[in-house]
Amino acid sequence: MATKNAAQKRAQAKVEYDAFLAGCPSRQLLDRISDKWVVLVLCALGDGPMRYSEIARRLAGVSQKMLTQTLRSLERDGLLTRAVTPTVPVTVTYELTGLGLSLHRMTRGLRSWAQEHMGEVLVNVERYDAHKRELP
């Protein structure tokens, strides 16, 4: 039996990824990238590089802890880069990688869909809740 090098193992694993299987790593990735803060950070950085404080201002309601965790996770996954400039105070800039830009295109569409259809969803929620209240 011939041994496989790392690239061959990755290629075989890629063919075998199936997010419908409980143990598939792609399911864990879907879990990470479907987080609301991940989607919003990717959408914000799609406009170009931003400093931490700019991202924090753009994402109303995100805590410092959550934003930091989200940025670290995205950096670890290779979706963004973090550049530190030795100024006083230190300037940290975040920018999407090519991989991050490819995901940004999808999250931008998801954000647009949510904004465009929110009114319809609210009507449906109201209708559903009213119907449930009428049932014995």
Protein backbone atom coordinates (compact mmCIF):
# COMPACT_ATOMS: atom_id res chain seq x y z
CA MET A 1 0.00 0.00 0.00
CA ALA A 2 1.48 3.34 -1.05
CA THR A 3 1.60 6.10 1.53
CA LYS A 4 -0.05 9.42 0.74
CA ASN A 5 1.57 12.80 1.17
CA ALA A 6 -0.25 15.65 2.91
CA ALA A 7 -1.55 17.17 -0.34
CA GLN A 8 -3.00 13.83 -1.45
CA LYS A 9 -4.67 13.36 1.94
CA ARG A 10 -6.21 16.84 1.73
CA ALA A 11 -7.43 16.18 -1.81
CA GLN A 12 -9.07 12.92 -0.75
CA ALA A 13 -10.64 14.54 2.32
CA LYS A 14 -12.02 17.36 0.17
CA VAL A 15 -13.88 14.85 -1.98
CA GLU A 16 -15.29 13.25 1.15
CA TYR A 17 -16.58 16.42 2.87
CA ASP A 18 -20.33 16.19 3.45
CA ALA A 19 -21.89 18.77 5.80
CA PHE A 20 -24.89 16.50 6.31
CA LEU A 21 -22.66 14.11 8.28
CA ALA A 22 -22.35 14.93 11.99
CA GLY A 23 -18.58 14.52 12.16
CA CYS A 24 -17.72 16.41 8.99
CA PRO A 25 -15.36 19.38 9.54
CA SER A 26 -17.32 21.40 6.98
CA ARG A 27 -20.26 21.36 9.41
CA GLN A 28 -18.07 23.04 12.02
CA LEU A 29 -17.02 25.61 9.45
CA LEU A 30 -20.67 26.29 8.55
CA ASP A 31 -21.39 26.79 12.23
CA ARG A 32 -18.59 29.36 12.54
CA ILE A 33 -19.35 31.34 9.39
CA SER A 34 -23.11 31.44 9.96
CA ASP A 35 -22.70 33.48 13.15
CA LYS A 36 -24.31 36.92 12.79
CA TRP A 37 -21.13 38.76 13.82
CA VAL A 38 -19.05 36.84 11.27
CA VAL A 39 -21.50 37.73 8.50
CA LEU A 40 -21.53 41.41 9.54
CA VAL A 41 -17.72 41.63 9.88
CA LEU A 42 -17.30 40.10 6.42
CA CYS A 43 -19.85 42.54 4.99
CA ALA A 44 -18.13 45.51 6.64
CA LEU A 45 -14.64 44.48 5.49
CA GLY A 46 -15.92 43.98 1.95
CA ASP A 47 -15.66 47.76 1.60
CA GLY A 48 -11.91 47.56 2.22
CA PRO A 49 -9.44 47.44 5.12
CA MET A 50 -10.66 48.81 8.44
CA ARG A 51 -9.25 49.50 11.86
CA TYR A 52 -10.70 47.75 14.89
CA SER A 53 -12.45 50.90 16.09
CA GLU A 54 -14.04 51.43 12.66
CA ILE A 55 -15.40 47.89 12.64
CA ALA A 56 -16.71 48.32 16.19
CA ARG A 57 -18.54 51.53 15.22
CA ARG A 58 -19.98 49.93 12.08
CA LEU A 59 -21.34 46.91 14.00
CA ALA A 60 -23.68 48.56 16.46
CA GLY A 61 -24.23 46.39 19.52
CA VAL A 62 -21.20 44.13 19.25
CA SER A 63 -19.24 43.81 22.49
CA GLN A 64 -15.47 44.26 22.52
CA LYS A 65 -15.06 40.63 23.61
CA MET A 66 -17.29 39.27 20.82
CA LEU A 67 -15.66 41.41 18.14
CA THR A 68 -12.19 40.35 19.26
CA GLN A 69 -13.19 36.66 19.28
CA THR A 70 -14.80 36.97 15.85
CA LEU A 71 -11.78 38.70 14.31
CA ARG A 72 -9.38 36.11 15.79
CA SER A 73 -11.51 33.26 14.48
CA LEU A 74 -11.65 34.77 11.00
CA GLU A 75 -7.89 35.33 11.04
CA ARG A 76 -7.28 31.75 12.17
CA ASP A 77 -9.46 30.43 9.34
CA GLY A 78 -7.51 32.53 6.83
CA LEU A 79 -10.45 34.76 5.94
CA LEU A 80 -8.79 38.01 7.01
CA THR A 81 -5.37 39.36 7.82
CA ARG A 82 -4.38 41.52 10.75
CA ALA A 83 -1.70 44.14 10.18
CA VAL A 84 -0.08 45.92 13.15
CA THR A 85 1.55 49.28 12.54
CA PRO A 86 3.94 50.38 15.31
CA THR A 87 2.52 53.84 15.95
CA VAL A 88 1.54 55.48 19.22
CA PRO A 89 -0.97 54.11 19.91
CA VAL A 90 -0.52 50.95 17.85
CA THR A 91 -2.72 50.81 14.74
CA VAL A 92 -4.31 47.45 13.87
CA THR A 93 -5.93 47.04 10.47
CA TYR A 94 -8.02 44.12 9.26
CA GLU A 95 -8.47 43.15 5.62
CA LEU A 96 -10.17 40.27 3.85
CA THR A 97 -7.98 37.68 2.13
CA GLY A 98 -8.90 36.19 -1.24
CA LEU A 99 -10.69 33.40 0.62
CA GLY A 100 -12.51 35.97 2.76
CA LEU A 101 -13.52 37.97 -0.32
CA SER A 102 -15.03 34.86 -1.89
CA LEU A 103 -17.14 34.33 1.24
CA HIS A 104 -17.94 38.07 1.41
CA ARG A 105 -19.75 37.84 -1.92
CA MET A 106 -22.13 35.30 -0.38
CA THR A 107 -22.62 37.11 2.93
CA ARG A 108 -23.30 40.37 1.11
CA GLY A 109 -26.13 38.62 -0.73
CA LEU A 110 -27.44 37.15 2.52
CA ARG A 111 -27.42 40.57 4.20
CA SER A 112 -29.18 42.14 1.22
CA TRP A 113 -31.81 39.39 1.23
CA ALA A 114 -32.46 39.87 4.97
CA GLN A 115 -32.84 43.64 4.58
CA GLU A 116 -35.05 43.32 1.50
CA HIS A 117 -37.40 40.68 2.93
CA MET A 118 -37.58 41.70 6.59
CA GLY A 119 -41.00 43.29 6.13
CA GLU A 120 -42.44 40.10 4.65
CA VAL A 121 -40.97 38.01 7.44
CA LEU A 122 -42.45 40.30 10.09
CA VAL A 123 -45.89 40.01 8.47
CA ASN A 124 -45.57 36.21 8.46
CA VAL A 125 -44.48 36.14 12.12
CA GLU A 126 -47.43 38.34 13.09
CA ARG A 127 -49.85 36.15 11.10
CA TYR A 128 -48.43 32.94 12.63
CA ASP A 129 -48.51 34.29 16.18
CA ALA A 130 -52.10 35.54 15.72
CA HIS A 131 -53.16 32.13 14.43
CA LYS A 132 -51.51 30.39 17.41
CA ARG A 133 -53.34 32.68 19.84
CA GLU A 134 -56.67 31.69 18.24
CA LEU A 135 -56.13 27.95 18.74
CA PRO A 136 -57.66 26.36 21.88
